[in-house]
Amino acid sequence: MSRKGNCLDNAIMENFFGLLKSELLYLRAFKDIEEFLSELEKYIFYYNHNRIKGKLKGLSPVDYRIKSQLVA
């Protein structure tokens, strides 16, 4: 990060948190913090292992990294 408060420096994380809120947080109410933390862990696993991304040639981020390492 080059400067404090520069939104372009942390655009990737801002995008992730926006998706997290719209796909998990705003869709339901949680009974307690333990339920929220459990669902958060599941969402992060989904985000990295199951979510396909067009820019990654239709692969999940983990699958893309594994495939990239095999080619290199």
N, C-alpha and C. Protein backbone atom coordinates (compact mmCIF):
# COMPACT_ATOMS: atom_id res chain seq x y z
N MET A 1 0.84 -1.18 0.00
CA MET A 1 0.00 0.00 0.00
C MET A 1 0.88 1.23 0.00
N SER A 2 0.56 2.15 -0.86
CA SER A 2 1.41 3.31 -0.99
C SER A 2 1.00 4.47 -0.09
N ARG A 3 -0.28 4.69 0.08
CA ARG A 3 -0.73 5.82 0.89
C ARG A 3 -1.89 5.41 1.79
N LYS A 4 -1.98 6.05 2.89
CA LYS A 4 -3.08 5.80 3.82
C LYS A 4 -4.39 6.27 3.20
N GLY A 5 -5.40 5.40 3.22
CA GLY A 5 -6.71 5.78 2.75
C GLY A 5 -6.89 5.80 1.25
N ASN A 6 -5.96 5.27 0.50
CA ASN A 6 -6.09 5.24 -0.95
C ASN A 6 -6.89 4.01 -1.34
N CYS A 7 -8.10 4.21 -1.86
CA CYS A 7 -8.98 3.07 -2.14
C CYS A 7 -8.43 2.17 -3.23
N LEU A 8 -7.61 2.69 -4.13
CA LEU A 8 -7.07 1.85 -5.19
C LEU A 8 -6.04 0.86 -4.66
N ASP A 9 -5.43 1.17 -3.53
CA ASP A 9 -4.44 0.26 -2.94
C ASP A 9 -5.08 -1.01 -2.41
N ASN A 10 -6.30 -0.91 -1.94
CA ASN A 10 -6.94 -2.09 -1.36
C ASN A 10 -8.23 -2.45 -2.09
N ALA A 11 -8.27 -2.22 -3.39
CA ALA A 11 -9.47 -2.48 -4.18
C ALA A 11 -9.86 -3.95 -4.16
N ILE A 12 -8.89 -4.85 -4.14
CA ILE A 12 -9.19 -6.28 -4.14
C ILE A 12 -9.91 -6.67 -2.85
N MET A 13 -9.44 -6.18 -1.73
CA MET A 13 -10.09 -6.50 -0.46
C MET A 13 -11.45 -5.82 -0.35
N GLU A 14 -11.57 -4.60 -0.86
CA GLU A 14 -12.87 -3.93 -0.86
C GLU A 14 -13.87 -4.74 -1.67
N ASN A 15 -13.43 -5.28 -2.80
CA ASN A 15 -14.30 -6.11 -3.63
C ASN A 15 -14.71 -7.37 -2.87
N PHE A 16 -13.75 -8.03 -2.23
CA PHE A 16 -14.06 -9.24 -1.46
C PHE A 16 -15.08 -8.95 -0.37
N PHE A 17 -14.87 -7.89 0.41
CA PHE A 17 -15.80 -7.58 1.49
C PHE A 17 -17.17 -7.20 0.95
N GLY A 18 -17.23 -6.55 -0.19
CA GLY A 18 -18.52 -6.24 -0.81
C GLY A 18 -19.26 -7.51 -1.19
N LEU A 19 -18.54 -8.47 -1.80
CA LEU A 19 -19.16 -9.75 -2.14
C LEU A 19 -19.59 -10.50 -0.89
N LEU A 20 -18.74 -10.50 0.12
CA LEU A 20 -19.06 -11.18 1.37
C LEU A 20 -20.35 -10.63 1.97
N LYS A 21 -20.47 -9.33 2.00
CA LYS A 21 -21.68 -8.74 2.58
C LYS A 21 -22.91 -9.06 1.75
N SER A 22 -22.81 -8.95 0.43
CA SER A 22 -23.99 -9.18 -0.40
C SER A 22 -24.36 -10.65 -0.52
N GLU A 23 -23.40 -11.56 -0.46
CA GLU A 23 -23.68 -12.98 -0.63
C GLU A 23 -23.91 -13.72 0.69
N LEU A 24 -23.47 -13.16 1.80
CA LEU A 24 -23.63 -13.86 3.08
C LEU A 24 -24.35 -13.00 4.11
N LEU A 25 -23.81 -11.87 4.41
CA LEU A 25 -24.28 -11.08 5.55
C LEU A 25 -25.70 -10.55 5.37
N TYR A 26 -26.01 -9.99 4.19
CA TYR A 26 -27.31 -9.36 4.00
C TYR A 26 -28.42 -10.36 3.69
N LEU A 27 -28.08 -11.62 3.44
CA LEU A 27 -29.10 -12.59 3.05
C LEU A 27 -29.81 -13.26 4.22
N ARG A 28 -29.23 -13.19 5.39
CA ARG A 28 -29.84 -13.88 6.52
C ARG A 28 -29.48 -13.24 7.84
N ALA A 29 -30.22 -13.64 8.86
CA ALA A 29 -29.93 -13.20 10.23
C ALA A 29 -29.30 -14.37 10.97
N PHE A 30 -28.33 -14.11 11.79
CA PHE A 30 -27.63 -15.15 12.52
C PHE A 30 -28.08 -15.14 13.97
N LYS A 31 -28.16 -16.34 14.54
CA LYS A 31 -28.60 -16.47 15.94
C LYS A 31 -27.58 -15.87 16.90
N ASP A 32 -26.30 -16.16 16.64
CA ASP A 32 -25.25 -15.70 17.54
C ASP A 32 -23.94 -15.62 16.76
N ILE A 33 -22.91 -15.17 17.43
CA ILE A 33 -21.62 -14.96 16.77
C ILE A 33 -21.00 -16.29 16.33
N GLU A 34 -21.26 -17.36 17.07
CA GLU A 34 -20.71 -18.67 16.70
C GLU A 34 -21.27 -19.14 15.37
N GLU A 35 -22.58 -18.95 15.17
CA GLU A 35 -23.19 -19.33 13.90
C GLU A 35 -22.61 -18.48 12.76
N PHE A 36 -22.45 -17.19 13.01
CA PHE A 36 -21.88 -16.32 11.98
C PHE A 36 -20.46 -16.76 11.63
N LEU A 37 -19.63 -17.04 12.63
CA LEU A 37 -18.25 -17.45 12.37
C LEU A 37 -18.20 -18.77 11.60
N SER A 38 -19.09 -19.68 11.92
CA SER A 38 -19.16 -20.95 11.20
C SER A 38 -19.52 -20.73 9.74
N GLU A 39 -20.52 -19.90 9.50
CA GLU A 39 -20.94 -19.60 8.12
C GLU A 39 -19.85 -18.81 7.38
N LEU A 40 -19.14 -17.97 8.08
CA LEU A 40 -18.05 -17.21 7.47
C LEU A 40 -16.94 -18.16 7.00
N GLU A 41 -16.59 -19.12 7.83
CA GLU A 41 -15.57 -20.11 7.43
C GLU A 41 -16.02 -20.88 6.20
N LYS A 42 -17.29 -21.28 6.17
CA LYS A 42 -17.83 -22.00 5.00
C LYS A 42 -17.78 -21.12 3.75
N TYR A 43 -18.12 -19.84 3.90
CA TYR A 43 -18.11 -18.94 2.76
C TYR A 43 -16.70 -18.75 2.23
N ILE A 44 -15.72 -18.58 3.09
CA ILE A 44 -14.34 -18.39 2.65
C ILE A 44 -13.84 -19.65 1.95
N PHE A 45 -14.20 -20.82 2.45
CA PHE A 45 -13.84 -22.07 1.77
C PHE A 45 -14.47 -22.11 0.38
N TYR A 46 -15.77 -21.79 0.30
CA TYR A 46 -16.44 -21.74 -1.00
C TYR A 46 -15.76 -20.74 -1.93
N TYR A 47 -15.45 -19.57 -1.43
CA TYR A 47 -14.86 -18.50 -2.23
C TYR A 47 -13.54 -18.95 -2.85
N ASN A 48 -12.75 -19.71 -2.14
CA ASN A 48 -11.45 -20.13 -2.63
C ASN A 48 -11.46 -21.46 -3.37
N HIS A 49 -12.36 -22.38 -3.02
CA HIS A 49 -12.30 -23.72 -3.57
C HIS A 49 -13.39 -24.06 -4.59
N ASN A 50 -14.55 -23.45 -4.52
CA ASN A 50 -15.66 -23.84 -5.37
C ASN A 50 -16.12 -22.78 -6.35
N ARG A 51 -15.87 -21.53 -6.05
CA ARG A 51 -16.35 -20.42 -6.89
C ARG A 51 -15.50 -20.35 -8.16
N ILE A 52 -16.16 -20.50 -9.31
CA ILE A 52 -15.40 -20.41 -10.56
C ILE A 52 -15.31 -18.95 -10.99
N LYS A 53 -14.25 -18.63 -11.66
CA LYS A 53 -13.96 -17.26 -12.05
C LYS A 53 -13.60 -17.24 -13.53
N GLY A 54 -14.26 -16.41 -14.31
CA GLY A 54 -14.00 -16.32 -15.74
C GLY A 54 -12.57 -15.92 -16.06
N LYS A 55 -12.03 -15.00 -15.28
CA LYS A 55 -10.65 -14.55 -15.53
C LYS A 55 -9.63 -15.63 -15.22
N LEU A 56 -10.03 -16.66 -14.49
CA LEU A 56 -9.13 -17.76 -14.16
C LEU A 56 -9.44 -18.98 -15.03
N LYS A 57 -9.94 -18.73 -16.22
CA LYS A 57 -10.24 -19.78 -17.21
C LYS A 57 -11.27 -20.77 -16.70
N GLY A 58 -12.26 -20.29 -15.96
CA GLY A 58 -13.33 -21.14 -15.47
C GLY A 58 -12.96 -22.03 -14.31
N LEU A 59 -11.86 -21.74 -13.65
CA LEU A 59 -11.41 -22.53 -12.51
C LEU A 59 -11.62 -21.75 -11.22
N SER A 60 -11.60 -22.47 -10.11
CA SER A 60 -11.62 -21.81 -8.82
C SER A 60 -10.21 -21.27 -8.55
N PRO A 61 -10.05 -20.32 -7.63
CA PRO A 61 -8.71 -19.79 -7.35
C PRO A 61 -7.71 -20.87 -6.94
N VAL A 62 -8.13 -21.84 -6.12
CA VAL A 62 -7.22 -22.90 -5.70
C VAL A 62 -6.85 -23.79 -6.88
N ASP A 63 -7.83 -24.18 -7.69
CA ASP A 63 -7.55 -25.02 -8.85
C ASP A 63 -6.62 -24.31 -9.84
N TYR A 64 -6.84 -23.02 -10.01
CA TYR A 64 -5.99 -22.25 -10.93
C TYR A 64 -4.54 -22.22 -10.44
N ARG A 65 -4.35 -22.00 -9.14
CA ARG A 65 -2.99 -21.99 -8.59
C ARG A 65 -2.31 -23.34 -8.74
N ILE A 66 -3.05 -24.40 -8.47
CA ILE A 66 -2.49 -25.75 -8.61
C ILE A 66 -2.10 -26.01 -10.07
N LYS A 67 -2.98 -25.67 -10.99
CA LYS A 67 -2.68 -25.87 -12.41
C LYS A 67 -1.51 -25.02 -12.85
N SER A 68 -1.42 -23.79 -12.35
CA SER A 68 -0.30 -22.90 -12.69
C SER A 68 1.03 -23.47 -12.20
N GLN A 69 1.02 -24.08 -11.03
CA GLN A 69 2.25 -24.66 -10.48
C GLN A 69 2.68 -25.89 -11.26
N LEU A 70 1.73 -26.65 -11.78
CA LEU A 70 2.07 -27.84 -12.55
C LEU A 70 2.69 -27.48 -13.89
N VAL A 71 2.24 -26.36 -14.47
CA VAL A 71 2.75 -25.92 -15.77
C VAL A 71 4.13 -25.33 -15.62
N ALA A 72 4.37 -24.61 -14.54
CA ALA A 72 5.66 -23.92 -14.36
C ALA A 72 6.79 -24.81 -14.00
